[in-house]
Amino acid sequence: MVTKLDALGMMTHEEKLALLATLLETTSQPSLDEDAAAEASVLVRPRSPEQNPLADLRFELLGPLVIRHGDLDVAPSAPKLRLILSTLLFNANKPVGASVLARELWSDGAPRTAHSTLQTYMFKLRRLFRAVLGLSVDYITREVLQTCSGGYVLRVDPGQLDITEFDQLVTTGSAAMHAGDYDKAATDLRCSLALWRGNVVHHGQWGTLLRAQVARLEERRFYAHTTRIDADLCLGRHREMISELASLVVEHPLHESAHTMLMIALYRSGRASAALEVYMRFRQRMLHELGIEPSDRIRALHMALLSTDGLLADRSLTSDMLLDRLVRRGNSPAVTRG
């Protein structure tokens, strides 16, 4: 026994991890630790390797991280494990370098043991997938959470990841908008927004990569929101959109598109004076906070409201198309009559 303990003391951290993995593989009932607490409530059902190993899982990032297995959320509770999973899911099916993950976890203050600690985290994630999916750690390592040259890859089908579904719906909705199919545009964009369960959040410190990914998602969410409202305006839902747009301009007091759509919705609802008041408040805020006048586009809309331009009633035009027409009309040379 003493000899065996001496040999164990001479092993490196990586060798100890490998030995631990082997012991767990040969144990019929593996133990669970607090970092994978969700595993304890999951009944393991052995799965044939021919089946998609992730078929029963749904990965959701549009809100707090959730990994759904039936009615259960099996995502780990430990912040660093959640951060690693989020990074891998934002880059699903793509290699993520160990150095990238280390920066996400520790920024510029990675400990000397960062490499072995990262291996430990991966080992815990593979144990979680093993408990949920009922497959061996070896199979999980080969087919699900893979080790690649200098990093790791998490294999996920596109239909199981909400950010992929969101991007696809925004793409099809935007294409329908440009094609003039406003009904499909409104439907697809409304479905894309329904996938969000709140803001993307993490109980800890985001790394640079994740902050960039979240910023991209939030910007695309805002685009989907405003484009869906624009589609609804083209479908004649002016009165229904007023309260939503009024809330949007309060949240984004310097966003021009939100103000232009509110002005259009108010005008088409027979409230031209309220539309003009929106412009005046927006102009005062621009001058006070930025020291500049509003753009030519919204000023052209203001002039069209003052003259009750008939173009304002053309519902076939999106707000961008309407503003472009008004600007071109305002820039056209006057026609001389002899």
Protein backbone atom coordinates (compact mmCIF):
# COMPACT_ATOMS: atom_id res chain seq x y z
CA MET A 1 0.00 0.00 0.00
CA VAL A 2 2.83 2.40 0.87
CA THR A 3 4.50 1.69 -2.45
CA LYS A 4 1.27 2.42 -4.34
CA LEU A 5 0.76 5.69 -2.46
CA ASP A 6 4.33 6.74 -3.22
CA ALA A 7 3.72 6.05 -6.92
CA LEU A 8 0.51 8.06 -6.83
CA GLY A 9 2.32 11.00 -5.25
CA MET A 10 4.84 11.04 -8.11
CA MET A 11 2.12 11.26 -10.81
CA THR A 12 1.40 14.55 -12.59
CA HIS A 13 -2.01 16.22 -12.36
CA GLU A 14 -2.86 15.10 -15.92
CA GLU A 15 -1.89 11.50 -15.13
CA LYS A 16 -4.09 11.54 -12.05
CA LEU A 17 -7.01 12.83 -14.15
CA ALA A 18 -6.49 10.05 -16.70
CA LEU A 19 -6.40 7.45 -13.92
CA LEU A 20 -9.58 8.89 -12.41
CA ALA A 21 -11.35 8.76 -15.77
CA THR A 22 -10.37 5.12 -16.21
CA LEU A 23 -11.62 4.21 -12.73
CA LEU A 24 -14.93 5.97 -13.35
CA GLU A 25 -15.36 4.19 -16.68
CA THR A 26 -15.07 0.80 -15.01
CA THR A 27 -17.49 1.67 -12.20
CA SER A 28 -21.12 0.66 -12.77
CA GLN A 29 -22.57 3.59 -10.79
CA PRO A 30 -20.39 6.71 -11.15
CA SER A 31 -20.47 9.28 -8.35
CA LEU A 32 -21.59 12.84 -8.99
CA ASP A 33 -20.11 16.09 -7.65
CA GLU A 34 -21.62 19.48 -6.87
CA ASP A 35 -20.40 21.02 -10.15
CA ALA A 36 -22.71 18.65 -12.02
CA ALA A 37 -25.57 18.70 -9.53
CA ALA A 38 -28.19 18.56 -12.26
CA GLU A 39 -27.03 15.04 -13.11
CA ALA A 40 -28.44 13.68 -9.87
CA SER A 41 -32.03 14.24 -10.97
CA VAL A 42 -31.61 12.70 -14.43
CA LEU A 43 -32.58 9.10 -15.04
CA VAL A 44 -30.01 7.64 -17.42
CA ARG A 45 -31.42 5.67 -20.32
CA PRO A 46 -28.75 3.84 -22.34
CA ARG A 47 -28.68 5.07 -25.91
CA SER A 48 -27.53 3.31 -29.01
CA PRO A 49 -24.45 5.01 -30.53
CA GLU A 50 -26.22 4.93 -33.91
CA GLN A 51 -28.70 7.52 -32.63
CA ASN A 52 -27.92 11.20 -32.51
CA PRO A 53 -26.36 11.42 -29.04
CA LEU A 54 -27.77 14.90 -28.46
CA ALA A 55 -31.24 14.26 -29.90
CA ASP A 56 -33.01 14.77 -26.57
CA LEU A 57 -31.16 17.98 -25.69
CA ARG A 58 -32.10 21.60 -26.39
CA PHE A 59 -29.47 24.30 -25.84
CA GLU A 60 -30.77 27.79 -25.08
CA LEU A 61 -28.61 30.90 -24.80
CA LEU A 62 -31.22 33.61 -25.44
CA GLY A 63 -31.57 34.30 -21.74
CA PRO A 64 -29.82 32.49 -18.88
CA LEU A 65 -28.06 29.34 -20.12
CA VAL A 66 -30.46 26.38 -20.19
CA ILE A 67 -29.86 22.83 -21.39
CA ARG A 68 -33.22 21.10 -21.61
CA HIS A 69 -33.56 17.33 -21.31
CA GLY A 70 -37.28 16.67 -21.38
CA ASP A 71 -38.74 18.83 -18.63
CA LEU A 72 -35.41 19.23 -16.80
CA ASP A 73 -32.71 21.88 -17.01
CA VAL A 74 -29.45 19.91 -16.76
CA ALA A 75 -27.07 22.84 -17.21
CA PRO A 76 -24.37 22.93 -14.51
CA SER A 77 -24.68 25.56 -11.79
CA ALA A 78 -20.96 26.31 -11.42
CA PRO A 79 -20.24 29.69 -13.11
CA LYS A 80 -17.00 28.62 -14.80
CA LEU A 81 -18.57 25.47 -16.27
CA ARG A 82 -21.47 27.57 -17.57
CA LEU A 83 -19.02 30.06 -19.09
CA ILE A 84 -17.13 27.27 -20.89
CA LEU A 85 -20.39 25.77 -22.17
CA SER A 86 -21.60 29.16 -23.37
CA THR A 87 -18.34 29.78 -25.22
CA LEU A 88 -18.48 26.37 -26.89
CA LEU A 89 -22.17 26.81 -27.80
CA PHE A 90 -21.66 30.27 -29.28
CA ASN A 91 -19.04 28.56 -31.47
CA ALA A 92 -20.87 25.25 -31.88
CA ASN A 93 -19.21 22.78 -34.27
CA LYS A 94 -16.12 25.00 -34.49
CA PRO A 95 -12.79 24.47 -32.73
CA VAL A 96 -12.27 26.74 -29.73
CA GLY A 97 -8.64 26.97 -28.66
CA ALA A 98 -7.61 26.18 -25.10
CA SER A 99 -5.91 29.59 -24.96
CA VAL A 100 -9.21 31.26 -25.95
CA LEU A 101 -11.08 29.41 -23.20
CA ALA A 102 -8.37 30.34 -20.70
CA ARG A 103 -8.78 34.03 -21.57
CA GLU A 104 -12.53 33.75 -21.17
CA LEU A 105 -12.11 32.12 -17.76
CA TRP A 106 -9.32 34.21 -16.29
CA SER A 107 -8.78 37.16 -18.65
CA ASP A 108 -5.06 38.04 -18.38
CA GLY A 109 -4.71 36.48 -14.95
CA ALA A 110 -4.65 32.78 -15.83
CA PRO A 111 -2.92 30.67 -13.14
CA ARG A 112 0.05 28.44 -13.90
CA THR A 113 -2.29 25.46 -13.57
CA ALA A 114 -4.71 26.86 -16.19
CA HIS A 115 -4.13 24.02 -18.68
CA SER A 116 -4.73 21.22 -16.18
CA THR A 117 -7.66 23.09 -14.59
CA LEU A 118 -9.27 23.46 -18.01
CA GLN A 119 -8.85 19.72 -18.56
CA THR A 120 -10.59 19.14 -15.23
CA TYR A 121 -13.52 21.32 -16.31
CA MET A 122 -13.81 19.40 -19.59
CA PHE A 123 -13.76 16.13 -17.66
CA LYS A 124 -16.67 17.37 -15.51
CA LEU A 125 -18.67 18.46 -18.57
CA ARG A 126 -18.16 15.06 -20.19
CA ARG A 127 -19.37 13.39 -17.01
CA LEU A 128 -22.49 15.55 -17.13
CA PHE A 129 -23.20 14.55 -20.74
CA ARG A 130 -22.52 10.93 -19.81
CA ALA A 131 -25.07 11.02 -16.99
CA VAL A 132 -27.68 12.73 -19.18
CA LEU A 133 -27.19 10.72 -22.37
CA GLY A 134 -26.32 7.31 -20.93
CA LEU A 135 -23.19 6.92 -23.07
CA SER A 136 -19.61 6.20 -22.12
CA VAL A 137 -17.12 8.97 -21.45
CA ASP A 138 -15.08 7.60 -24.32
CA TYR A 139 -18.02 8.01 -26.73
CA ILE A 140 -18.77 11.51 -25.39
CA THR A 141 -15.13 12.45 -25.95
CA ARG A 142 -15.15 11.11 -29.53
CA GLU A 143 -18.56 12.31 -30.69
CA VAL A 144 -19.90 15.11 -28.48
CA LEU A 145 -17.28 17.17 -26.64
CA GLN A 146 -14.21 16.50 -28.74
CA THR A 147 -10.59 17.37 -28.18
CA CYS A 148 -9.04 18.86 -31.30
CA SER A 149 -5.64 20.32 -32.06
CA GLY A 150 -5.08 22.88 -29.32
CA GLY A 151 -8.69 23.07 -28.19
CA TYR A 152 -12.19 21.61 -28.07
CA VAL A 153 -15.32 21.25 -30.23
CA LEU A 154 -18.90 20.79 -29.03
CA ARG A 155 -20.99 18.99 -31.66
CA VAL A 156 -24.56 20.29 -31.82
CA ASP A 157 -27.24 19.94 -34.50
CA PRO A 158 -28.46 23.41 -35.67
CA GLY A 159 -32.05 22.62 -34.72
CA GLN A 160 -31.04 22.08 -31.09
CA LEU A 161 -29.52 25.54 -30.59
CA ASP A 162 -31.79 28.57 -30.15
CA ILE A 163 -29.26 31.14 -31.39
CA THR A 164 -29.01 29.27 -34.71
CA GLU A 165 -32.80 29.14 -35.01
CA PHE A 166 -32.97 32.84 -34.16
CA ASP A 167 -30.42 33.79 -36.83
CA GLN A 168 -32.21 31.71 -39.47
CA LEU A 169 -35.59 33.28 -38.72
CA VAL A 170 -34.14 36.80 -38.82
CA THR A 171 -32.48 36.02 -42.15
CA THR A 172 -35.69 34.68 -43.74
CA GLY A 173 -37.74 37.51 -42.23
CA SER A 174 -35.35 40.13 -43.56
CA ALA A 175 -35.38 38.52 -47.02
CA ALA A 176 -39.19 38.52 -47.01
CA MET A 177 -39.17 42.18 -46.00
CA HIS A 178 -36.95 43.13 -48.94
CA ALA A 179 -39.15 41.05 -51.26
CA GLY A 180 -42.29 42.92 -50.14
CA ASP A 181 -43.82 39.88 -48.39
CA TYR A 182 -44.63 41.79 -45.22
CA ASP A 183 -46.89 39.11 -43.76
CA LYS A 184 -44.13 36.47 -43.82
CA ALA A 185 -41.60 39.03 -42.61
CA ALA A 186 -43.76 39.89 -39.59
CA THR A 187 -44.41 36.21 -38.83
CA ASP A 188 -40.78 35.07 -39.04
CA LEU A 189 -39.44 38.02 -37.09
CA ARG A 190 -42.11 37.64 -34.41
CA CYS A 191 -41.13 33.95 -34.07
CA SER A 192 -37.46 34.91 -33.79
CA LEU A 193 -38.17 37.34 -30.97
CA ALA A 194 -40.34 34.79 -29.15
CA LEU A 195 -37.23 32.63 -28.66
CA TRP A 196 -35.80 35.18 -26.23
CA ARG A 197 -36.45 34.47 -22.54
CA GLY A 198 -34.79 37.70 -21.38
CA ASN A 199 -31.34 39.21 -21.70
CA VAL A 200 -28.33 36.96 -22.21
CA VAL A 201 -26.89 36.75 -18.70
CA HIS A 202 -24.08 34.97 -16.87
CA HIS A 203 -23.54 34.82 -13.11
CA GLY A 204 -19.90 35.80 -13.29
CA GLN A 205 -17.46 37.70 -15.48
CA TRP A 206 -17.87 37.46 -19.26
CA GLY A 207 -14.70 37.21 -21.32
CA THR A 208 -13.94 39.36 -24.37
CA LEU A 209 -15.15 36.76 -26.88
CA LEU A 210 -18.48 36.22 -25.16
CA ARG A 211 -19.08 39.94 -24.71
CA ALA A 212 -18.61 40.39 -28.47
CA GLN A 213 -20.97 37.49 -29.22
CA VAL A 214 -23.63 38.83 -26.85
CA ALA A 215 -23.32 42.35 -28.32
CA ARG A 216 -23.86 40.93 -31.82
CA LEU A 217 -26.94 39.02 -30.66
CA GLU A 218 -28.45 42.02 -28.90
CA GLU A 219 -27.93 44.21 -31.96
CA ARG A 220 -29.56 41.56 -34.18
CA ARG A 221 -32.43 41.32 -31.71
CA PHE A 222 -32.99 45.07 -31.94
CA TYR A 223 -32.89 44.87 -35.75
CA ALA A 224 -35.46 42.05 -35.70
CA HIS A 225 -37.68 44.06 -33.35
CA THR A 226 -37.67 47.27 -35.40
CA THR A 227 -38.00 45.43 -38.72
CA ARG A 228 -40.97 43.44 -37.41
CA ILE A 229 -42.67 46.69 -36.37
CA ASP A 230 -41.94 48.11 -39.82
CA ALA A 231 -43.57 45.06 -41.41
CA ASP A 232 -46.63 45.51 -39.19
CA LEU A 233 -46.88 49.15 -40.27
CA CYS A 234 -46.86 48.03 -43.91
CA LEU A 235 -49.72 45.67 -43.01
CA GLY A 236 -51.78 48.60 -41.71
CA ARG A 237 -51.36 47.93 -37.98
CA HIS A 238 -50.61 51.55 -37.16
CA ARG A 239 -52.67 51.99 -34.03
CA GLU A 240 -51.50 48.67 -32.58
CA MET A 241 -47.86 49.72 -32.97
CA ILE A 242 -48.07 53.13 -31.24
CA SER A 243 -47.66 51.95 -27.65
CA GLU A 244 -44.83 49.57 -28.58
CA LEU A 245 -43.01 52.32 -30.48
CA ALA A 246 -43.58 54.83 -27.68
CA SER A 247 -41.89 52.41 -25.28
CA LEU A 248 -39.06 51.85 -27.76
CA VAL A 249 -38.22 55.56 -28.08
CA VAL A 250 -38.08 55.85 -24.29
CA GLU A 251 -35.60 52.96 -24.15
CA HIS A 252 -33.60 54.34 -27.11
CA PRO A 253 -34.04 58.14 -26.97
CA LEU A 254 -31.49 58.85 -29.72
CA HIS A 255 -32.44 56.06 -32.14
CA GLU A 256 -33.72 57.66 -35.31
CA SER A 257 -35.54 54.66 -36.84
CA ALA A 258 -37.74 54.16 -33.79
CA HIS A 259 -38.74 57.84 -33.84
CA THR A 260 -39.48 57.85 -37.58
CA MET A 261 -41.72 54.78 -37.30
CA LEU A 262 -43.57 56.31 -34.34
CA MET A 263 -44.12 59.49 -36.37
CA ILE A 264 -45.47 57.45 -39.29
CA ALA A 265 -47.73 55.35 -37.04
CA LEU A 266 -49.16 58.45 -35.37
CA TYR A 267 -49.75 60.26 -38.66
CA ARG A 268 -51.51 57.26 -40.23
CA SER A 269 -53.66 56.98 -37.10
CA GLY A 270 -54.90 60.55 -37.59
CA ARG A 271 -52.59 62.09 -34.97
CA ALA A 272 -50.41 64.38 -37.09
CA SER A 273 -49.87 66.90 -34.28
CA ALA A 274 -48.55 64.13 -31.98
CA ALA A 275 -46.19 63.02 -34.77
CA LEU A 276 -44.83 66.56 -35.05
CA GLU A 277 -44.34 66.70 -31.28
CA VAL A 278 -42.25 63.50 -31.46
CA TYR A 279 -39.98 65.16 -34.01
CA MET A 280 -39.57 68.32 -31.93
CA ARG A 281 -38.63 66.35 -28.79
CA PHE A 282 -36.18 64.25 -30.79
CA ARG A 283 -34.57 67.34 -32.34
CA GLN A 284 -34.21 69.04 -28.95
CA ARG A 285 -32.59 65.94 -27.49
CA MET A 286 -30.15 65.66 -30.41
CA LEU A 287 -29.14 69.29 -30.04
CA HIS A 288 -28.87 69.14 -26.26
CA GLU A 289 -27.02 65.83 -25.92
CA LEU A 290 -25.03 65.62 -29.16
CA GLY A 291 -24.97 69.20 -30.41
CA ILE A 292 -26.12 68.23 -33.92
CA GLU A 293 -29.26 68.48 -36.03
CA PRO A 294 -31.24 65.35 -36.93
CA SER A 295 -30.39 63.66 -40.24
CA ASP A 296 -31.72 64.75 -43.63
CA ARG A 297 -34.00 61.69 -43.63
CA ILE A 298 -36.03 62.49 -40.53
CA ARG A 299 -36.05 66.19 -41.41
CA ALA A 300 -37.54 65.25 -44.78
CA LEU A 301 -40.20 63.26 -42.93
CA HIS A 302 -40.92 66.30 -40.75
CA MET A 303 -41.43 68.48 -43.84
CA ALA A 304 -43.70 65.82 -45.38
CA LEU A 305 -45.82 65.82 -42.22
CA LEU A 306 -46.15 69.61 -42.36
CA SER A 307 -47.31 69.46 -45.97
CA THR A 308 -49.45 66.30 -45.52
CA ASP A 309 -47.53 64.67 -48.37
CA GLY A 310 -49.59 61.94 -50.03
CA LEU A 311 -46.56 59.64 -50.06
CA LEU A 312 -46.99 59.18 -46.30
CA ALA A 313 -50.08 57.04 -46.87
CA ASP A 314 -48.32 54.54 -49.18
CA ARG A 315 -48.24 51.37 -47.09
CA SER A 316 -46.28 49.47 -49.74
CA LEU A 317 -43.21 51.44 -48.66
CA THR A 318 -41.15 50.45 -45.65
CA SER A 319 -40.01 53.32 -43.43
CA ASP A 320 -36.55 53.26 -45.07
CA MET A 321 -38.05 53.30 -48.57
CA LEU A 322 -40.37 56.16 -47.61
CA LEU A 323 -37.54 58.26 -46.18
CA ASP A 324 -35.36 57.63 -49.23
CA ARG A 325 -38.16 58.79 -51.53
CA LEU A 326 -38.76 61.91 -49.46
CA VAL A 327 -35.05 62.80 -49.41
CA ARG A 328 -34.73 62.32 -53.16
CA ARG A 329 -37.82 64.43 -53.72
CA GLY A 330 -36.44 67.19 -51.51
CA ASN A 331 -33.11 67.14 -53.34
CA SER A 332 -34.65 67.25 -56.82
CA PRO A 333 -34.14 70.55 -58.69
CA ALA A 334 -37.22 72.74 -58.97
CA VAL A 335 -39.06 72.49 -62.26
CA THR A 336 -39.25 75.84 -64.07
CA ARG A 337 -42.42 76.74 -65.84
CA GLY A 338 -42.37 79.15 -68.80
